[in-house]
Amino acid sequence: METTRQKKVSKLLQKDIAEILQNRIKKQGNLGILLSITKVSVTVDFSVAKVFLSVFPSEMSKQILEEVSKISGRVRHEVAQKAKNQLRKVPELIFFLDDSLDYIEKIEDSLKGLDNPLRK
């Protein structure tokens, strides 16, 4: 169960990380990529934050995850600069892929397609 403080820190991190990563994508010239932060989960001691990324198109997701993981230190530093009045210490950022949209799409395709188990 998350405390109120954990929820507030998670929302703050989610907003700041999304802004930073979207600005980086724009600067690199990758205009066909949509990146969003779907969830941030902070540990009880605020030392680690799990950041879940959603990438469209999904074919680029593994590549984007690798690139973001490589620059996690710089992203953490930028978050520290933005949130210096709200956080004493920015947690370590660990990035994961959020593939829930792909999972939902597969379910919808199977329900619409020939392999629908309900129609047999």
C-alpha atoms as a PDB file:
ATOM      1  CA  MET A   1       0.000   0.000   0.000  1.00  0.00           C
ATOM      2  CA  GLU A   2       1.459   3.303  -1.083  1.00  0.00           C
ATOM      3  CA  THR A   3       1.586   6.177   1.345  1.00  0.00           C
ATOM      4  CA  THR A   4       0.366   9.633   0.405  1.00  0.00           C
ATOM      5  CA  ARG A   5       3.955  10.854   0.197  1.00  0.00           C
ATOM      6  CA  GLN A   6       4.898   8.021  -2.185  1.00  0.00           C
ATOM      7  CA  LYS A   7       1.952   8.887  -4.430  1.00  0.00           C
ATOM      8  CA  LYS A   8       2.907  12.566  -4.522  1.00  0.00           C
ATOM      9  CA  VAL A   9       6.539  11.803  -5.336  1.00  0.00           C
ATOM     10  CA  SER A  10       5.455   9.303  -8.010  1.00  0.00           C
ATOM     11  CA  LYS A  11       3.231  11.868  -9.721  1.00  0.00           C
ATOM     12  CA  LEU A  12       5.939  14.525  -9.564  1.00  0.00           C
ATOM     13  CA  LEU A  13       8.515  12.148 -11.059  1.00  0.00           C
ATOM     14  CA  GLN A  14       6.062  10.996 -13.735  1.00  0.00           C
ATOM     15  CA  LYS A  15       5.408  14.559 -14.888  1.00  0.00           C
ATOM     16  CA  ASP A  16       9.044  15.647 -14.865  1.00  0.00           C
ATOM     17  CA  ILE A  17      10.464  12.517 -16.519  1.00  0.00           C
ATOM     18  CA  ALA A  18       7.833  12.619 -19.270  1.00  0.00           C
ATOM     19  CA  GLU A  19       8.650  16.251 -20.008  1.00  0.00           C
ATOM     20  CA  ILE A  20      12.402  15.587 -20.091  1.00  0.00           C
ATOM     21  CA  LEU A  21      12.184  12.520 -22.341  1.00  0.00           C
ATOM     22  CA  GLN A  22       9.730  14.107 -24.766  1.00  0.00           C
ATOM     23  CA  ASN A  23      12.005  17.143 -25.106  1.00  0.00           C
ATOM     24  CA  ARG A  24      14.976  14.860 -25.816  1.00  0.00           C
ATOM     25  CA  ILE A  25      13.040  13.025 -28.526  1.00  0.00           C
ATOM     26  CA  LYS A  26      12.104  16.326 -30.170  1.00  0.00           C
ATOM     27  CA  LYS A  27      15.715  17.538 -30.080  1.00  0.00           C
ATOM     28  CA  GLN A  28      16.917  14.318 -31.718  1.00  0.00           C
ATOM     29  CA  GLY A  29      14.442  14.793 -34.554  1.00  0.00           C
ATOM     30  CA  ASN A  30      12.439  11.596 -33.946  1.00  0.00           C
ATOM     31  CA  LEU A  31       9.060  13.121 -34.716  1.00  0.00           C
ATOM     32  CA  GLY A  32       7.263   9.833 -35.432  1.00  0.00           C
ATOM     33  CA  ILE A  33       7.704   8.465 -31.907  1.00  0.00           C
ATOM     34  CA  LEU A  34       5.207   8.903 -29.105  1.00  0.00           C
ATOM     35  CA  LEU A  35       6.604   8.239 -25.635  1.00  0.00           C
ATOM     36  CA  SER A  36       4.588   8.360 -22.445  1.00  0.00           C
ATOM     37  CA  ILE A  37       5.227   7.468 -18.832  1.00  0.00           C
ATOM     38  CA  THR A  38       2.345   5.262 -17.765  1.00  0.00           C
ATOM     39  CA  LYS A  39       3.336   4.674 -14.151  1.00  0.00           C
ATOM     40  CA  VAL A  40       6.030   5.473 -11.614  1.00  0.00           C
ATOM     41  CA  SER A  41       6.357   3.358  -8.504  1.00  0.00           C
ATOM     42  CA  VAL A  42       8.602   4.539  -5.657  1.00  0.00           C
ATOM     43  CA  THR A  43       9.955   2.274  -2.930  1.00  0.00           C
ATOM     44  CA  VAL A  44       9.140   2.964   0.725  1.00  0.00           C
ATOM     45  CA  ASP A  45      12.577   4.456   1.426  1.00  0.00           C
ATOM     46  CA  PHE A  46      12.448   6.593  -1.777  1.00  0.00           C
ATOM     47  CA  SER A  47      15.739   5.134  -3.034  1.00  0.00           C
ATOM     48  CA  VAL A  48      14.430   3.502  -6.236  1.00  0.00           C
ATOM     49  CA  ALA A  49      11.729   4.494  -8.709  1.00  0.00           C
ATOM     50  CA  LYS A  50      10.413   2.057 -11.291  1.00  0.00           C
ATOM     51  CA  VAL A  51       9.401   3.995 -14.387  1.00  0.00           C
ATOM     52  CA  PHE A  52       7.102   2.307 -16.918  1.00  0.00           C
ATOM     53  CA  LEU A  53       7.351   3.553 -20.518  1.00  0.00           C
ATOM     54  CA  SER A  54       4.843   3.171 -23.303  1.00  0.00           C
ATOM     55  CA  VAL A  55       6.199   3.694 -26.822  1.00  0.00           C
ATOM     56  CA  PHE A  56       4.328   4.059 -30.096  1.00  0.00           C
ATOM     57  CA  PRO A  57       5.067   2.536 -32.579  1.00  0.00           C
ATOM     58  CA  SER A  58       5.718  -0.540 -30.469  1.00  0.00           C
ATOM     59  CA  GLU A  59       8.396  -1.823 -32.879  1.00  0.00           C
ATOM     60  CA  MET A  60      10.689   0.904 -31.544  1.00  0.00           C
ATOM     61  CA  SER A  61      10.040   0.144 -27.873  1.00  0.00           C
ATOM     62  CA  LYS A  62      13.091  -2.030 -27.142  1.00  0.00           C
ATOM     63  CA  GLN A  63      15.430   0.422 -28.859  1.00  0.00           C
ATOM     64  CA  ILE A  64      13.940   3.403 -27.001  1.00  0.00           C
ATOM     65  CA  LEU A  65      14.121   1.526 -23.679  1.00  0.00           C
ATOM     66  CA  GLU A  66      17.829   0.804 -24.216  1.00  0.00           C
ATOM     67  CA  GLU A  67      18.548   4.434 -25.102  1.00  0.00           C
ATOM     68  CA  VAL A  68      16.610   5.750 -22.108  1.00  0.00           C
ATOM     69  CA  SER A  69      18.308   3.269 -19.765  1.00  0.00           C
ATOM     70  CA  LYS A  70      21.719   4.467 -20.974  1.00  0.00           C
ATOM     71  CA  ILE A  71      20.909   8.094 -20.133  1.00  0.00           C
ATOM     72  CA  SER A  72      19.109   7.405 -16.851  1.00  0.00           C
ATOM     73  CA  GLY A  73      21.830   9.229 -14.897  1.00  0.00           C
ATOM     74  CA  ARG A  74      21.376  12.382 -16.977  1.00  0.00           C
ATOM     75  CA  VAL A  75      17.594  12.128 -16.682  1.00  0.00           C
ATOM     76  CA  ARG A  76      17.926  11.776 -12.911  1.00  0.00           C
ATOM     77  CA  HIS A  77      20.134  14.877 -12.814  1.00  0.00           C
ATOM     78  CA  GLU A  78      17.609  16.876 -14.863  1.00  0.00           C
ATOM     79  CA  VAL A  79      14.789  15.732 -12.575  1.00  0.00           C
ATOM     80  CA  ALA A  80      16.874  16.859  -9.594  1.00  0.00           C
ATOM     81  CA  GLN A  81      17.253  20.297 -11.180  1.00  0.00           C
ATOM     82  CA  LYS A  82      13.504  20.586 -11.787  1.00  0.00           C
ATOM     83  CA  ALA A  83      12.409  19.239  -8.397  1.00  0.00           C
ATOM     84  CA  LYS A  84      15.126  20.701  -6.190  1.00  0.00           C
ATOM     85  CA  ASN A  85      12.587  22.567  -4.060  1.00  0.00           C
ATOM     86  CA  GLN A  86      10.326  19.541  -3.612  1.00  0.00           C
ATOM     87  CA  LEU A  87      12.713  16.582  -3.194  1.00  0.00           C
ATOM     88  CA  ARG A  88      15.861  16.290  -1.137  1.00  0.00           C
ATOM     89  CA  LYS A  89      17.146  13.298  -3.054  1.00  0.00           C
ATOM     90  CA  VAL A  90      15.926  11.963  -6.396  1.00  0.00           C
ATOM     91  CA  PRO A  91      15.562   8.174  -6.405  1.00  0.00           C
ATOM     92  CA  GLU A  92      17.511   5.936  -8.763  1.00  0.00           C
ATOM     93  CA  LEU A  93      15.481   5.519 -11.960  1.00  0.00           C
ATOM     94  CA  ILE A  94      14.935   2.049 -13.407  1.00  0.00           C
ATOM     95  CA  PHE A  95      13.052   1.925 -16.697  1.00  0.00           C
ATOM     96  CA  PHE A  96      10.673  -0.826 -17.829  1.00  0.00           C
ATOM     97  CA  LEU A  97       8.412  -1.297 -20.838  1.00  0.00           C
ATOM     98  CA  ASP A  98       4.683  -1.110 -20.277  1.00  0.00           C
ATOM     99  CA  ASP A  99       3.287  -3.515 -22.847  1.00  0.00           C
ATOM    100  CA  SER A 100      -0.301  -3.500 -21.594  1.00  0.00           C
ATOM    101  CA  LEU A 101      -1.541  -1.777 -24.785  1.00  0.00           C
ATOM    102  CA  ASP A 102       0.019  -4.521 -26.925  1.00  0.00           C
ATOM    103  CA  TYR A 103      -1.589  -7.144 -24.697  1.00  0.00           C
ATOM    104  CA  ILE A 104      -5.017  -5.512 -25.070  1.00  0.00           C
ATOM    105  CA  GLU A 105      -4.537  -5.292 -28.840  1.00  0.00           C
ATOM    106  CA  LYS A 106      -3.706  -9.021 -29.035  1.00  0.00           C
ATOM    107  CA  ILE A 107      -6.838  -9.875 -27.072  1.00  0.00           C
ATOM    108  CA  GLU A 108      -8.998  -7.713 -29.338  1.00  0.00           C
ATOM    109  CA  ASP A 109      -7.459  -9.277 -32.453  1.00  0.00           C
ATOM    110  CA  SER A 110      -8.065 -12.782 -31.176  1.00  0.00           C
ATOM    111  CA  LEU A 111     -11.688 -11.957 -30.352  1.00  0.00           C
ATOM    112  CA  LYS A 112     -12.253 -10.488 -33.825  1.00  0.00           C
ATOM    113  CA  GLY A 113     -10.280 -13.134 -35.704  1.00  0.00           C
ATOM    114  CA  LEU A 114     -10.717 -16.782 -36.555  1.00  0.00           C
ATOM    115  CA  ASP A 115      -9.102 -18.035 -33.365  1.00  0.00           C
ATOM    116  CA  ASN A 116     -11.910 -16.692 -31.199  1.00  0.00           C
ATOM    117  CA  PRO A 117     -12.472 -19.371 -28.528  1.00  0.00           C
ATOM    118  CA  LEU A 118     -15.987 -18.082 -27.800  1.00  0.00           C
ATOM    119  CA  ARG A 119     -17.283 -18.905 -31.283  1.00  0.00           C
ATOM    120  CA  LYS A 120     -16.251 -22.566 -31.267  1.00  0.00           C
END
